[in-house]
Amino acid sequence: MPRYLSMIRINEADAPAEGPSPELMERMGHLIEEMTKAGVLLDTAGLTPTAQGTRVTWSGGQLSTTDGPFTESKEVIGGYALLQCKDKAEAIEWTKRFLTVHEDHWTVTCELREIAEG
């Protein structure tokens, strides 16, 4: 079965300073449990803010590093989910369910990409 990477994009400037509400975390926990029992969810996690990140770039034969925050980025990857589904349509349905557990004040985008196998 194909695997898909869902990259969860958020705008750090618009995300609630207090983070996700307890109600959101409860809904998310139920969905994660359902996805795990269905054998669809292989792994998931949130990521630390870009202020704690580092970019490593290879350009013109040279390596460089840049410490965050990355102010030029409007959207950043705030987390990911690794899914194994029968097809892309199923992966999209699970991704839609993930998005709709968020309250209306959140703006969250998931970029869903199939993992190229060997």
N, C-alpha and C. Protein backbone atom coordinates (compact mmCIF):
# COMPACT_ATOMS: atom_id res chain seq x y z
N MET A 1 0.84 -1.19 0.00
CA MET A 1 0.00 0.00 0.00
C MET A 1 0.89 1.25 0.00
N PRO A 2 0.47 2.26 -0.73
CA PRO A 2 1.28 3.48 -0.79
C PRO A 2 1.29 4.23 0.54
N ARG A 3 2.38 4.93 0.75
CA ARG A 3 2.53 5.77 1.94
C ARG A 3 2.48 7.23 1.50
N TYR A 4 1.96 8.08 2.39
CA TYR A 4 1.81 9.50 2.10
C TYR A 4 2.35 10.31 3.28
N LEU A 5 2.98 11.42 2.95
CA LEU A 5 3.44 12.35 3.96
C LEU A 5 2.52 13.56 3.92
N SER A 6 1.90 13.84 5.03
CA SER A 6 1.06 15.02 5.16
C SER A 6 1.87 16.05 5.95
N MET A 7 2.26 17.13 5.28
CA MET A 7 3.01 18.20 5.94
C MET A 7 2.00 19.27 6.36
N ILE A 8 1.94 19.49 7.65
CA ILE A 8 0.94 20.38 8.23
C ILE A 8 1.53 21.78 8.27
N ARG A 9 0.94 22.67 7.48
CA ARG A 9 1.45 24.03 7.36
C ARG A 9 0.58 24.98 8.18
N ILE A 10 1.26 25.84 8.94
CA ILE A 10 0.58 26.87 9.71
C ILE A 10 1.31 28.19 9.52
N ASN A 11 0.64 29.27 9.83
CA ASN A 11 1.28 30.57 9.90
C ASN A 11 1.57 30.81 11.38
N GLU A 12 2.83 30.77 11.77
CA GLU A 12 3.19 30.91 13.18
C GLU A 12 2.67 32.21 13.78
N ALA A 13 2.60 33.27 12.98
CA ALA A 13 2.15 34.57 13.48
C ALA A 13 0.66 34.54 13.84
N ASP A 14 -0.11 33.69 13.18
CA ASP A 14 -1.55 33.62 13.41
C ASP A 14 -1.96 32.53 14.39
N ALA A 15 -1.05 31.64 14.73
CA ALA A 15 -1.39 30.54 15.64
C ALA A 15 -1.60 31.10 17.04
N PRO A 16 -2.56 30.56 17.78
CA PRO A 16 -2.80 31.04 19.14
C PRO A 16 -1.54 30.92 20.01
N ALA A 17 -1.21 31.97 20.72
CA ALA A 17 0.00 31.99 21.55
C ALA A 17 -0.02 30.89 22.61
N GLU A 18 -1.21 30.56 23.08
CA GLU A 18 -1.33 29.53 24.12
C GLU A 18 -1.31 28.12 23.54
N GLY A 19 -1.26 28.03 22.22
CA GLY A 19 -1.22 26.73 21.57
C GLY A 19 -2.62 26.14 21.42
N PRO A 20 -2.68 24.87 21.08
CA PRO A 20 -3.97 24.20 20.90
C PRO A 20 -4.77 24.15 22.20
N SER A 21 -6.08 24.27 22.09
CA SER A 21 -6.96 24.19 23.26
C SER A 21 -7.02 22.74 23.76
N PRO A 22 -7.39 22.56 25.02
CA PRO A 22 -7.57 21.19 25.53
C PRO A 22 -8.62 20.41 24.74
N GLU A 23 -9.66 21.10 24.27
CA GLU A 23 -10.70 20.44 23.49
C GLU A 23 -10.14 19.96 22.15
N LEU A 24 -9.31 20.78 21.51
CA LEU A 24 -8.68 20.38 20.25
C LEU A 24 -7.78 19.17 20.48
N MET A 25 -7.00 19.21 21.53
CA MET A 25 -6.11 18.08 21.82
C MET A 25 -6.90 16.80 22.09
N GLU A 26 -8.06 16.92 22.73
CA GLU A 26 -8.89 15.74 22.97
C GLU A 26 -9.44 15.18 21.65
N ARG A 27 -9.96 16.06 20.80
CA ARG A 27 -10.46 15.61 19.50
C ARG A 27 -9.34 14.99 18.67
N MET A 28 -8.17 15.62 18.71
CA MET A 28 -7.01 15.11 17.97
C MET A 28 -6.61 13.73 18.50
N GLY A 29 -6.64 13.56 19.81
CA GLY A 29 -6.30 12.27 20.41
C GLY A 29 -7.24 11.17 19.95
N HIS A 30 -8.55 11.48 19.89
CA HIS A 30 -9.52 10.48 19.43
C HIS A 30 -9.27 10.11 17.97
N LEU A 31 -9.00 11.12 17.12
CA LEU A 31 -8.75 10.85 15.72
C LEU A 31 -7.47 10.03 15.54
N ILE A 32 -6.42 10.39 16.25
CA ILE A 32 -5.15 9.65 16.17
C ILE A 32 -5.36 8.19 16.59
N GLU A 33 -6.13 8.00 17.64
CA GLU A 33 -6.42 6.63 18.09
C GLU A 33 -7.18 5.85 17.02
N GLU A 34 -8.17 6.49 16.41
CA GLU A 34 -8.94 5.84 15.34
C GLU A 34 -8.06 5.49 14.15
N MET A 35 -7.20 6.43 13.76
CA MET A 35 -6.32 6.20 12.61
C MET A 35 -5.30 5.10 12.90
N THR A 36 -4.82 5.06 14.13
CA THR A 36 -3.85 4.03 14.52
C THR A 36 -4.51 2.65 14.50
N LYS A 37 -5.72 2.55 15.06
CA LYS A 37 -6.44 1.27 15.07
C LYS A 37 -6.77 0.80 13.65
N ALA A 38 -7.01 1.76 12.74
CA ALA A 38 -7.32 1.43 11.35
C ALA A 38 -6.07 1.04 10.57
N GLY A 39 -4.88 1.20 11.18
CA GLY A 39 -3.63 0.85 10.52
C GLY A 39 -3.18 1.87 9.49
N VAL A 40 -3.76 3.06 9.53
CA VAL A 40 -3.46 4.11 8.55
C VAL A 40 -2.32 5.01 9.03
N LEU A 41 -2.31 5.34 10.30
CA LEU A 41 -1.33 6.28 10.84
C LEU A 41 -0.07 5.53 11.26
N LEU A 42 1.04 5.83 10.58
CA LEU A 42 2.32 5.20 10.91
C LEU A 42 3.12 6.03 11.91
N ASP A 43 2.99 7.38 11.81
CA ASP A 43 3.72 8.26 12.70
C ASP A 43 3.14 9.66 12.57
N THR A 44 3.23 10.45 13.62
CA THR A 44 2.81 11.84 13.59
C THR A 44 3.50 12.60 14.71
N ALA A 45 3.73 13.89 14.49
CA ALA A 45 4.32 14.73 15.53
C ALA A 45 4.19 16.18 15.13
N GLY A 46 4.20 17.03 16.14
CA GLY A 46 4.32 18.47 15.91
C GLY A 46 5.79 18.84 15.93
N LEU A 47 6.09 19.99 15.39
CA LEU A 47 7.48 20.47 15.36
C LEU A 47 7.62 21.72 16.22
N THR A 48 8.82 21.94 16.73
CA THR A 48 9.08 23.14 17.52
C THR A 48 9.02 24.37 16.61
N PRO A 49 8.83 25.56 17.18
CA PRO A 49 8.76 26.78 16.37
C PRO A 49 10.04 27.01 15.56
N THR A 50 9.91 27.76 14.47
CA THR A 50 11.06 28.03 13.61
C THR A 50 12.17 28.77 14.35
N ALA A 51 11.82 29.47 15.42
CA ALA A 51 12.85 30.18 16.20
C ALA A 51 13.88 29.20 16.76
N GLN A 52 13.50 27.94 16.89
CA GLN A 52 14.40 26.93 17.41
C GLN A 52 15.03 26.07 16.31
N GLY A 53 14.76 26.42 15.05
CA GLY A 53 15.24 25.62 13.93
C GLY A 53 16.49 26.20 13.28
N THR A 54 17.08 25.42 12.42
CA THR A 54 18.25 25.82 11.63
C THR A 54 18.05 25.30 10.21
N ARG A 55 18.34 26.13 9.24
CA ARG A 55 18.33 25.71 7.84
C ARG A 55 19.77 25.47 7.40
N VAL A 56 19.99 24.36 6.74
CA VAL A 56 21.30 24.04 6.18
C VAL A 56 21.12 24.06 4.66
N THR A 57 21.92 24.88 3.97
CA THR A 57 21.76 25.07 2.53
C THR A 57 23.05 24.70 1.81
N TRP A 58 22.88 24.03 0.67
CA TRP A 58 23.98 23.73 -0.24
C TRP A 58 23.72 24.55 -1.49
N SER A 59 24.62 25.48 -1.81
CA SER A 59 24.43 26.34 -2.98
C SER A 59 25.80 26.77 -3.50
N GLY A 60 25.99 26.63 -4.80
CA GLY A 60 27.25 27.04 -5.42
C GLY A 60 28.45 26.31 -4.86
N GLY A 61 28.26 25.06 -4.43
CA GLY A 61 29.36 24.28 -3.89
C GLY A 61 29.73 24.63 -2.46
N GLN A 62 28.89 25.42 -1.79
CA GLN A 62 29.17 25.84 -0.41
C GLN A 62 28.01 25.49 0.50
N LEU A 63 28.34 25.13 1.75
CA LEU A 63 27.33 24.91 2.78
C LEU A 63 27.18 26.17 3.61
N SER A 64 25.94 26.47 4.01
CA SER A 64 25.71 27.56 4.95
C SER A 64 24.60 27.14 5.91
N THR A 65 24.60 27.73 7.08
CA THR A 65 23.54 27.48 8.04
C THR A 65 22.92 28.81 8.45
N THR A 66 21.62 28.78 8.67
CA THR A 66 20.89 29.96 9.11
C THR A 66 20.00 29.55 10.27
N ASP A 67 20.15 30.22 11.40
CA ASP A 67 19.30 29.94 12.55
C ASP A 67 17.98 30.67 12.41
N GLY A 68 16.91 30.06 12.91
CA GLY A 68 15.58 30.66 12.89
C GLY A 68 15.48 31.77 13.91
N PRO A 69 14.40 32.51 13.91
CA PRO A 69 13.19 32.26 13.13
C PRO A 69 13.37 32.68 11.68
N PHE A 70 12.56 32.08 10.83
CA PHE A 70 12.64 32.35 9.40
C PHE A 70 11.52 33.30 9.02
N THR A 71 11.75 34.59 9.23
CA THR A 71 10.71 35.61 9.08
C THR A 71 10.23 35.75 7.65
N GLU A 72 11.03 35.33 6.68
CA GLU A 72 10.59 35.45 5.29
C GLU A 72 9.55 34.40 4.92
N SER A 73 9.33 33.43 5.79
CA SER A 73 8.36 32.37 5.53
C SER A 73 7.01 32.75 6.13
N LYS A 74 5.97 32.79 5.29
CA LYS A 74 4.62 33.01 5.81
C LYS A 74 4.09 31.74 6.43
N GLU A 75 4.18 30.66 5.70
CA GLU A 75 3.72 29.37 6.22
C GLU A 75 4.93 28.51 6.54
N VAL A 76 4.84 27.78 7.64
CA VAL A 76 5.91 26.87 8.02
C VAL A 76 5.29 25.50 8.30
N ILE A 77 6.11 24.48 8.23
CA ILE A 77 5.63 23.14 8.57
C ILE A 77 5.61 23.03 10.09
N GLY A 78 4.41 22.87 10.63
CA GLY A 78 4.23 22.81 12.07
C GLY A 78 4.16 21.38 12.59
N GLY A 79 4.06 20.43 11.69
CA GLY A 79 3.98 19.03 12.08
C GLY A 79 3.84 18.16 10.84
N TYR A 80 3.71 16.88 11.07
CA TYR A 80 3.58 15.95 9.95
C TYR A 80 2.79 14.73 10.39
N ALA A 81 2.29 14.01 9.41
CA ALA A 81 1.69 12.70 9.65
C ALA A 81 2.14 11.79 8.51
N LEU A 82 2.52 10.59 8.85
CA LEU A 82 2.90 9.58 7.87
C LEU A 82 1.77 8.57 7.81
N LEU A 83 1.12 8.49 6.63
CA LEU A 83 -0.06 7.65 6.45
C LEU A 83 0.23 6.51 5.47
N GLN A 84 -0.43 5.39 5.68
CA GLN A 84 -0.39 4.30 4.71
C GLN A 84 -1.83 3.98 4.37
N CYS A 85 -2.20 4.27 3.13
CA CYS A 85 -3.59 4.15 2.70
C CYS A 85 -3.68 3.34 1.42
N LYS A 86 -4.90 2.88 1.11
CA LYS A 86 -5.07 2.08 -0.11
C LYS A 86 -4.86 2.92 -1.36
N ASP A 87 -5.16 4.23 -1.27
CA ASP A 87 -4.97 5.12 -2.42
C ASP A 87 -4.99 6.58 -1.95
N LYS A 88 -4.76 7.48 -2.89
CA LYS A 88 -4.70 8.91 -2.56
C LYS A 88 -6.04 9.42 -2.04
N ALA A 89 -7.15 8.91 -2.59
CA ALA A 89 -8.47 9.35 -2.14
C ALA A 89 -8.66 9.08 -0.65
N GLU A 90 -8.23 7.91 -0.18
CA GLU A 90 -8.35 7.60 1.24
C GLU A 90 -7.46 8.52 2.06
N ALA A 91 -6.25 8.79 1.60
CA ALA A 91 -5.34 9.69 2.32
C ALA A 91 -5.95 11.10 2.41
N ILE A 92 -6.60 11.53 1.36
CA ILE A 92 -7.24 12.85 1.37
C ILE A 92 -8.38 12.88 2.39
N GLU A 93 -9.16 11.82 2.46
CA GLU A 93 -10.28 11.79 3.42
C GLU A 93 -9.79 11.86 4.86
N TRP A 94 -8.74 11.12 5.19
CA TRP A 94 -8.17 11.19 6.54
C TRP A 94 -7.62 12.58 6.81
N THR A 95 -6.99 13.19 5.82
CA THR A 95 -6.42 14.53 5.98
C THR A 95 -7.53 15.55 6.21
N LYS A 96 -8.63 15.43 5.51
CA LYS A 96 -9.77 16.33 5.73
C LYS A 96 -10.30 16.20 7.16
N ARG A 97 -10.37 14.97 7.64
CA ARG A 97 -10.84 14.77 9.02
C ARG A 97 -9.89 15.41 10.01
N PHE A 98 -8.58 15.31 9.75
CA PHE A 98 -7.59 15.96 10.62
C PHE A 98 -7.82 17.47 10.65
N LEU A 99 -8.02 18.07 9.49
CA LEU A 99 -8.20 19.52 9.44
C LEU A 99 -9.45 19.97 10.18
N THR A 100 -10.53 19.21 10.07
CA THR A 100 -11.80 19.66 10.65
C THR A 100 -11.89 19.48 12.16
N VAL A 101 -10.90 18.87 12.80
CA VAL A 101 -10.93 18.83 14.27
C VAL A 101 -10.48 20.18 14.86
N HIS A 102 -9.88 21.04 14.04
CA HIS A 102 -9.43 22.35 14.50
C HIS A 102 -10.60 23.32 14.63
N GLU A 103 -10.48 24.24 15.59
CA GLU A 103 -11.48 25.29 15.73
C GLU A 103 -11.41 26.23 14.52
N ASP A 104 -12.47 27.02 14.35
CA ASP A 104 -12.57 27.91 13.19
C ASP A 104 -11.48 28.98 13.13
N HIS A 105 -10.90 29.36 14.27
CA HIS A 105 -9.89 30.43 14.25
C HIS A 105 -8.52 29.95 13.76
N TRP A 106 -8.35 28.66 13.59
CA TRP A 106 -7.10 28.12 13.05
C TRP A 106 -7.12 28.20 11.52
N THR A 107 -5.96 28.46 10.93
CA THR A 107 -5.76 28.30 9.50
C THR A 107 -4.67 27.26 9.34
N VAL A 108 -5.05 26.10 8.84
CA VAL A 108 -4.13 24.97 8.72
C VAL A 108 -4.26 24.42 7.31
N THR A 109 -3.13 24.17 6.68
CA THR A 109 -3.10 23.56 5.35
C THR A 109 -2.25 22.30 5.43
N CYS A 110 -2.70 21.24 4.82
CA CYS A 110 -1.91 20.02 4.74
C CYS A 110 -1.50 19.80 3.30
N GLU A 111 -0.21 19.68 3.08
CA GLU A 111 0.30 19.29 1.76
C GLU A 111 0.50 17.79 1.80
N LEU A 112 -0.23 17.08 0.97
CA LEU A 112 -0.20 15.62 0.98
C LEU A 112 0.58 15.13 -0.24
N ARG A 113 1.63 14.34 0.03
CA ARG A 113 2.50 13.86 -1.06
C ARG A 113 2.74 12.37 -0.89
N GLU A 114 2.61 11.64 -1.98
CA GLU A 114 2.92 10.21 -1.94
C GLU A 114 4.42 10.03 -1.87
N ILE A 115 4.85 9.08 -1.08
CA ILE A 115 6.28 8.79 -0.93
C ILE A 115 6.70 7.89 -2.09
N ALA A 116 7.72 8.32 -2.82
CA ALA A 116 8.23 7.54 -3.96
C ALA A 116 8.96 6.32 -3.41
N GLU A 117 8.51 5.17 -3.77
CA GLU A 117 9.10 3.92 -3.28
C GLU A 117 10.15 3.42 -4.27
N GLY A 118 11.29 3.00 -3.74
CA GLY A 118 12.41 2.39 -4.40
C GLY A 118 12.41 2.41 -5.86
